[in-house]
Amino acid sequence: MATSDEIEQKLRAAFAPEHIEVIDESELHRGHAGWREGGGTHFRVRIRASAFADMNRLARHRAIHAALGTELIGRIHALALEVEA
């Protein structure tokens, strides 16, 4: 399974979002730290879910990292989050 699909699947299961986009931006970082041939290193996630309504920005980011798990987080280099309630 592609890393982007794995990210989306875990976030859908954890937050039942109204909207989610997982964008592999790895090619934009070619030659930078953490980049690997074939992508799967740099991602942007845009997510909107009512589950985030009572959370501040830090709590939202922590919740997303917890939902993805340390194994998945450890495989990627960068994760940009755009989170809305």
C-alpha atoms as a PDB file:
ATOM      1  CA  MET A   1       0.000   0.000   0.000  1.00  0.00           C
ATOM      2  CA  ALA A   2       1.308   3.470  -0.852  1.00  0.00           C
ATOM      3  CA  THR A   3       2.249   5.595   2.138  1.00  0.00           C
ATOM      4  CA  SER A   4      -0.258   8.276   1.128  1.00  0.00           C
ATOM      5  CA  ASP A   5      -3.048   5.668   1.089  1.00  0.00           C
ATOM      6  CA  GLU A   6      -1.946   4.380   4.483  1.00  0.00           C
ATOM      7  CA  ILE A   7      -2.019   7.912   5.931  1.00  0.00           C
ATOM      8  CA  GLU A   8      -5.498   8.522   4.522  1.00  0.00           C
ATOM      9  CA  GLN A   9      -6.841   5.183   5.753  1.00  0.00           C
ATOM     10  CA  LYS A  10      -5.598   5.749   9.314  1.00  0.00           C
ATOM     11  CA  LEU A  11      -6.929   9.300   9.473  1.00  0.00           C
ATOM     12  CA  ARG A  12     -10.325   8.305   8.072  1.00  0.00           C
ATOM     13  CA  ALA A  13     -10.596   5.554  10.691  1.00  0.00           C
ATOM     14  CA  ALA A  14      -9.587   7.844  13.549  1.00  0.00           C
ATOM     15  CA  PHE A  15     -11.483  11.052  12.710  1.00  0.00           C
ATOM     16  CA  ALA A  16     -14.219  10.317  10.113  1.00  0.00           C
ATOM     17  CA  PRO A  17     -13.337  13.543   8.273  1.00  0.00           C
ATOM     18  CA  GLU A  18     -15.730  15.520   6.127  1.00  0.00           C
ATOM     19  CA  HIS A  19     -12.772  16.310   3.860  1.00  0.00           C
ATOM     20  CA  ILE A  20      -9.283  14.855   3.523  1.00  0.00           C
ATOM     21  CA  GLU A  21      -6.442  15.274   1.040  1.00  0.00           C
ATOM     22  CA  VAL A  22      -3.086  13.536   1.345  1.00  0.00           C
ATOM     23  CA  ILE A  23      -0.574  15.015  -1.073  1.00  0.00           C
ATOM     24  CA  ASP A  24       2.855  13.496  -1.685  1.00  0.00           C
ATOM     25  CA  GLU A  25       5.101  16.552  -2.068  1.00  0.00           C
ATOM     26  CA  SER A  26       8.319  14.526  -2.095  1.00  0.00           C
ATOM     27  CA  GLU A  27       9.348  15.544  -5.602  1.00  0.00           C
ATOM     28  CA  LEU A  28       9.271  19.213  -4.541  1.00  0.00           C
ATOM     29  CA  HIS A  29      12.039  18.359  -2.057  1.00  0.00           C
ATOM     30  CA  ARG A  30      14.373  16.509  -4.429  1.00  0.00           C
ATOM     31  CA  GLY A  31      17.921  16.821  -3.135  1.00  0.00           C
ATOM     32  CA  HIS A  32      16.845  18.041   0.316  1.00  0.00           C
ATOM     33  CA  ALA A  33      17.292  16.216   3.607  1.00  0.00           C
ATOM     34  CA  GLY A  34      15.208  13.084   3.921  1.00  0.00           C
ATOM     35  CA  TRP A  35      14.331  12.821   0.221  1.00  0.00           C
ATOM     36  CA  ARG A  36      14.408   9.359  -1.347  1.00  0.00           C
ATOM     37  CA  GLU A  37      14.014   8.229  -4.940  1.00  0.00           C
ATOM     38  CA  GLY A  38      10.418   7.140  -5.524  1.00  0.00           C
ATOM     39  CA  GLY A  39       8.783   9.604  -3.134  1.00  0.00           C
ATOM     40  CA  GLY A  40       6.974   8.807   0.073  1.00  0.00           C
ATOM     41  CA  THR A  41       9.055  11.174   2.191  1.00  0.00           C
ATOM     42  CA  HIS A  42       7.251  14.540   2.323  1.00  0.00           C
ATOM     43  CA  PHE A  43       3.475  14.845   2.721  1.00  0.00           C
ATOM     44  CA  ARG A  44       0.850  17.542   3.146  1.00  0.00           C
ATOM     45  CA  VAL A  45      -2.446  16.584   4.791  1.00  0.00           C
ATOM     46  CA  ARG A  46      -5.532  18.785   4.570  1.00  0.00           C
ATOM     47  CA  ILE A  47      -8.224  17.498   6.866  1.00  0.00           C
ATOM     48  CA  ARG A  48     -11.529  18.811   8.216  1.00  0.00           C
ATOM     49  CA  ALA A  49     -13.322  16.871  10.932  1.00  0.00           C
ATOM     50  CA  SER A  50     -15.670  17.745  13.764  1.00  0.00           C
ATOM     51  CA  ALA A  51     -13.453  15.627  16.037  1.00  0.00           C
ATOM     52  CA  PHE A  52     -11.025  18.575  16.110  1.00  0.00           C
ATOM     53  CA  ALA A  53     -13.617  21.119  17.298  1.00  0.00           C
ATOM     54  CA  ASP A  54     -12.539  21.228  20.949  1.00  0.00           C
ATOM     55  CA  MET A  55      -8.797  20.943  20.287  1.00  0.00           C
ATOM     56  CA  ASN A  56      -6.210  23.663  19.935  1.00  0.00           C
ATOM     57  CA  ARG A  57      -3.620  23.489  17.160  1.00  0.00           C
ATOM     58  CA  LEU A  58      -1.087  21.527  19.207  1.00  0.00           C
ATOM     59  CA  ALA A  59      -3.698  18.999  20.373  1.00  0.00           C
ATOM     60  CA  ARG A  60      -4.855  18.490  16.772  1.00  0.00           C
ATOM     61  CA  HIS A  61      -1.314  17.793  15.595  1.00  0.00           C
ATOM     62  CA  ARG A  62      -0.678  15.426  18.494  1.00  0.00           C
ATOM     63  CA  ALA A  63      -3.928  13.565  17.769  1.00  0.00           C
ATOM     64  CA  ILE A  64      -2.964  13.123  14.117  1.00  0.00           C
ATOM     65  CA  HIS A  65       0.513  11.880  15.018  1.00  0.00           C
ATOM     66  CA  ALA A  66      -0.999   9.426  17.515  1.00  0.00           C
ATOM     67  CA  ALA A  67      -3.479   8.163  14.911  1.00  0.00           C
ATOM     68  CA  LEU A  68      -0.693   7.583  12.386  1.00  0.00           C
ATOM     69  CA  GLY A  69       1.509   5.810  14.926  1.00  0.00           C
ATOM     70  CA  THR A  70       5.233   5.899  15.502  1.00  0.00           C
ATOM     71  CA  GLU A  71       6.014   3.270  12.850  1.00  0.00           C
ATOM     72  CA  LEU A  72       4.409   5.282  10.030  1.00  0.00           C
ATOM     73  CA  ILE A  73       5.690   8.621  11.310  1.00  0.00           C
ATOM     74  CA  GLY A  74       9.173   7.100  11.438  1.00  0.00           C
ATOM     75  CA  ARG A  75       9.063   6.230   7.720  1.00  0.00           C
ATOM     76  CA  ILE A  76       8.384   9.754   6.504  1.00  0.00           C
ATOM     77  CA  HIS A  77      10.604  12.807   6.728  1.00  0.00           C
ATOM     78  CA  ALA A  78       8.094  15.671   6.747  1.00  0.00           C
ATOM     79  CA  LEU A  79       4.388  16.035   7.438  1.00  0.00           C
ATOM     80  CA  ALA A  80       2.692  19.401   6.869  1.00  0.00           C
ATOM     81  CA  LEU A  81      -0.757  19.579   8.477  1.00  0.00           C
ATOM     82  CA  GLU A  82      -3.670  21.864   7.607  1.00  0.00           C
ATOM     83  CA  VAL A  83      -6.367  20.974  10.142  1.00  0.00           C
ATOM     84  CA  GLU A  84      -9.872  22.422  10.487  1.00  0.00           C
ATOM     85  CA  ALA A  85     -12.791  21.586  12.721  1.00  0.00           C
END
